[in-house]
């Protein structure tokens, strides 16, 4: 069973920054996609950003230019640097990992991000 370990998140004022991290310790996948979804109360879960094992990235339009996803080349671990945060970024952020040939995602437990003054 693959376990995703998330860290980061918390409370920040509008315009502030936060950094989320997600690791899959012990996993040995070589081809995969990894990233973050978020879900606000009463809303559908939406993709925020993703990165593939070859470094290709994609972002939701609402976070382009503000969020940056990156990965560690030595292990299965990603970071999401979130700058210029807005109240509408408030949500629970879920890390996901989808290895090649798997039909669904492994999920992290979720971490709360709250942007409020």
C-alpha atoms as a PDB file:
ATOM      1  CA  UNK A   1       0.000   0.000   0.000  1.00  0.00           C
ATOM      2  CA  UNK A   2       1.385   3.390  -0.996  1.00  0.00           C
ATOM      3  CA  UNK A   3       1.263   6.066   1.687  1.00  0.00           C
ATOM      4  CA  UNK A   4       1.463   9.758   0.827  1.00  0.00           C
ATOM      5  CA  UNK A   5       2.826  11.997   3.571  1.00  0.00           C
ATOM      6  CA  UNK A   6       1.787  15.656   3.349  1.00  0.00           C
ATOM      7  CA  UNK A   7       3.181  18.649   5.217  1.00  0.00           C
ATOM      8  CA  UNK A   8       2.672  22.384   5.167  1.00  0.00           C
ATOM      9  CA  UNK A   9      -0.574  24.276   5.076  1.00  0.00           C
ATOM     10  CA  UNK A  10      -2.027  26.517   7.745  1.00  0.00           C
ATOM     11  CA  UNK A  11      -3.426  30.017   8.129  1.00  0.00           C
ATOM     12  CA  UNK A  12      -2.040  32.947   6.162  1.00  0.00           C
ATOM     13  CA  UNK A  13      -3.159  36.478   5.353  1.00  0.00           C
ATOM     14  CA  UNK A  14      -4.117  37.472   1.809  1.00  0.00           C
ATOM     15  CA  UNK A  15      -1.009  38.114  -0.239  1.00  0.00           C
ATOM     16  CA  UNK A  16       1.028  35.718   1.867  1.00  0.00           C
ATOM     17  CA  UNK A  17       2.792  32.498   0.942  1.00  0.00           C
ATOM     18  CA  UNK A  18       2.716  28.857   1.963  1.00  0.00           C
ATOM     19  CA  UNK A  19       4.580  25.749   0.864  1.00  0.00           C
ATOM     20  CA  UNK A  20       3.077  22.268   0.700  1.00  0.00           C
ATOM     21  CA  UNK A  21       5.105  19.095   0.425  1.00  0.00           C
ATOM     22  CA  UNK A  22       4.113  15.537  -0.357  1.00  0.00           C
ATOM     23  CA  UNK A  23       6.285  12.427  -0.284  1.00  0.00           C
ATOM     24  CA  UNK A  24       5.784   8.752  -1.054  1.00  0.00           C
ATOM     25  CA  UNK A  25       8.440   7.128   1.113  1.00  0.00           C
ATOM     26  CA  UNK A  26       9.539   3.718  -0.015  1.00  0.00           C
ATOM     27  CA  UNK A  27       7.817   3.949  -3.410  1.00  0.00           C
ATOM     28  CA  UNK A  28       9.835   2.988  -6.460  1.00  0.00           C
ATOM     29  CA  UNK A  29       7.664   4.134  -9.352  1.00  0.00           C
ATOM     30  CA  UNK A  30       9.663   5.571 -12.235  1.00  0.00           C
ATOM     31  CA  UNK A  31       6.847   6.885 -14.438  1.00  0.00           C
ATOM     32  CA  UNK A  32       4.035   8.746 -12.712  1.00  0.00           C
ATOM     33  CA  UNK A  33       2.053  11.920 -12.318  1.00  0.00           C
ATOM     34  CA  UNK A  34       1.860  13.619  -8.928  1.00  0.00           C
ATOM     35  CA  UNK A  35       0.219  16.797  -7.767  1.00  0.00           C
ATOM     36  CA  UNK A  36      -2.490  18.510  -5.763  1.00  0.00           C
ATOM     37  CA  UNK A  37      -6.245  18.785  -5.846  1.00  0.00           C
ATOM     38  CA  UNK A  38      -8.218  21.044  -3.540  1.00  0.00           C
ATOM     39  CA  UNK A  39     -11.753  21.061  -2.233  1.00  0.00           C
ATOM     40  CA  UNK A  40     -13.535  23.975  -0.636  1.00  0.00           C
ATOM     41  CA  UNK A  41     -16.725  23.481   1.418  1.00  0.00           C
ATOM     42  CA  UNK A  42     -19.664  22.783  -0.857  1.00  0.00           C
ATOM     43  CA  UNK A  43     -17.463  22.658  -3.937  1.00  0.00           C
ATOM     44  CA  UNK A  44     -16.211  19.927  -6.239  1.00  0.00           C
ATOM     45  CA  UNK A  45     -12.640  18.738  -5.875  1.00  0.00           C
ATOM     46  CA  UNK A  46     -10.502  20.507  -8.495  1.00  0.00           C
ATOM     47  CA  UNK A  47      -7.027  19.968  -9.871  1.00  0.00           C
ATOM     48  CA  UNK A  48      -4.595  22.671  -8.750  1.00  0.00           C
ATOM     49  CA  UNK A  49      -1.295  21.544 -10.244  1.00  0.00           C
ATOM     50  CA  UNK A  50       0.412  18.408 -11.456  1.00  0.00           C
ATOM     51  CA  UNK A  51       3.894  17.306 -12.442  1.00  0.00           C
ATOM     52  CA  UNK A  52       4.968  14.192 -14.269  1.00  0.00           C
ATOM     53  CA  UNK A  53       8.114  12.190 -13.669  1.00  0.00           C
ATOM     54  CA  UNK A  54       9.673  13.822 -16.745  1.00  0.00           C
ATOM     55  CA  UNK A  55       9.076  17.276 -15.276  1.00  0.00           C
ATOM     56  CA  UNK A  56       6.085  18.350 -17.343  1.00  0.00           C
ATOM     57  CA  UNK A  57       3.795  20.607 -15.320  1.00  0.00           C
ATOM     58  CA  UNK A  58       0.220  21.803 -15.580  1.00  0.00           C
ATOM     59  CA  UNK A  59      -1.767  24.305 -13.545  1.00  0.00           C
ATOM     60  CA  UNK A  60      -5.328  25.414 -13.049  1.00  0.00           C
ATOM     61  CA  UNK A  61      -5.895  28.789 -14.685  1.00  0.00           C
ATOM     62  CA  UNK A  62      -6.781  30.286 -11.304  1.00  0.00           C
ATOM     63  CA  UNK A  63      -3.296  29.623  -9.890  1.00  0.00           C
ATOM     64  CA  UNK A  64      -1.051  30.225 -12.900  1.00  0.00           C
ATOM     65  CA  UNK A  65       1.648  32.761 -12.106  1.00  0.00           C
ATOM     66  CA  UNK A  66       1.119  32.355  -8.355  1.00  0.00           C
ATOM     67  CA  UNK A  67       1.753  28.665  -7.635  1.00  0.00           C
ATOM     68  CA  UNK A  68       4.803  26.641  -8.623  1.00  0.00           C
ATOM     69  CA  UNK A  69       5.033  22.865  -8.444  1.00  0.00           C
ATOM     70  CA  UNK A  70       8.396  21.139  -8.339  1.00  0.00           C
ATOM     71  CA  UNK A  71       9.774  17.681  -7.655  1.00  0.00           C
ATOM     72  CA  UNK A  72      12.749  16.074  -6.011  1.00  0.00           C
ATOM     73  CA  UNK A  73      14.746  14.087  -8.546  1.00  0.00           C
ATOM     74  CA  UNK A  74      16.191  11.737  -5.923  1.00  0.00           C
ATOM     75  CA  UNK A  75      12.881  10.486  -4.528  1.00  0.00           C
ATOM     76  CA  UNK A  76       9.148  10.628  -5.107  1.00  0.00           C
ATOM     77  CA  UNK A  77       8.426  13.972  -3.494  1.00  0.00           C
ATOM     78  CA  UNK A  78       6.849  17.190  -4.675  1.00  0.00           C
ATOM     79  CA  UNK A  79       6.479  20.729  -3.403  1.00  0.00           C
ATOM     80  CA  UNK A  80       3.846  23.358  -4.122  1.00  0.00           C
ATOM     81  CA  UNK A  81       4.987  26.923  -3.525  1.00  0.00           C
ATOM     82  CA  UNK A  82       1.914  29.125  -3.194  1.00  0.00           C
ATOM     83  CA  UNK A  83       2.457  32.881  -3.426  1.00  0.00           C
ATOM     84  CA  UNK A  84       0.077  35.832  -3.417  1.00  0.00           C
ATOM     85  CA  UNK A  85      -2.583  33.707  -1.775  1.00  0.00           C
ATOM     86  CA  UNK A  86      -6.184  34.803  -2.009  1.00  0.00           C
ATOM     87  CA  UNK A  87      -9.213  34.005   0.169  1.00  0.00           C
ATOM     88  CA  UNK A  88     -10.589  31.887  -2.675  1.00  0.00           C
ATOM     89  CA  UNK A  89      -7.570  29.588  -2.324  1.00  0.00           C
ATOM     90  CA  UNK A  90      -8.974  28.443   1.020  1.00  0.00           C
ATOM     91  CA  UNK A  91      -9.587  24.700   0.821  1.00  0.00           C
ATOM     92  CA  UNK A  92      -8.356  21.305   1.881  1.00  0.00           C
ATOM     93  CA  UNK A  93      -5.462  20.386  -0.394  1.00  0.00           C
ATOM     94  CA  UNK A  94      -5.011  16.717  -1.302  1.00  0.00           C
ATOM     95  CA  UNK A  95      -1.838  15.243  -2.717  1.00  0.00           C
ATOM     96  CA  UNK A  96      -2.239  12.529  -5.356  1.00  0.00           C
ATOM     97  CA  UNK A  97       0.052  10.051  -7.074  1.00  0.00           C
ATOM     98  CA  UNK A  98      -0.840   8.078 -10.180  1.00  0.00           C
ATOM     99  CA  UNK A  99       1.775   5.638 -11.429  1.00  0.00           C
ATOM    100  CA  UNK A 100       1.818   4.440 -15.010  1.00  0.00           C
ATOM    101  CA  UNK A 101      -0.696   1.626 -15.676  1.00  0.00           C
ATOM    102  CA  UNK A 102      -2.828   2.503 -12.636  1.00  0.00           C
ATOM    103  CA  UNK A 103      -6.434   3.556 -13.277  1.00  0.00           C
ATOM    104  CA  UNK A 104      -6.879   5.673 -10.190  1.00  0.00           C
ATOM    105  CA  UNK A 105      -4.930   7.818  -7.740  1.00  0.00           C
ATOM    106  CA  UNK A 106      -3.302   7.243  -4.424  1.00  0.00           C
ATOM    107  CA  UNK A 107      -4.360  10.073  -2.090  1.00  0.00           C
ATOM    108  CA  UNK A 108      -2.911  11.911   0.862  1.00  0.00           C
ATOM    109  CA  UNK A 109      -4.962  12.673   3.965  1.00  0.00           C
ATOM    110  CA  UNK A 110      -5.421  16.338   3.059  1.00  0.00           C
ATOM    111  CA  UNK A 111      -4.072  19.513   4.591  1.00  0.00           C
ATOM    112  CA  UNK A 112      -6.031  22.682   5.340  1.00  0.00           C
ATOM    113  CA  UNK A 113      -5.050  25.979   3.753  1.00  0.00           C
ATOM    114  CA  UNK A 114      -6.900  29.034   5.055  1.00  0.00           C
ATOM    115  CA  UNK A 115      -6.364  32.500   3.615  1.00  0.00           C
ATOM    116  CA  UNK A 116      -7.956  35.119   5.802  1.00  0.00           C
ATOM    117  CA  UNK A 117      -7.231  38.450   7.410  1.00  0.00           C
END
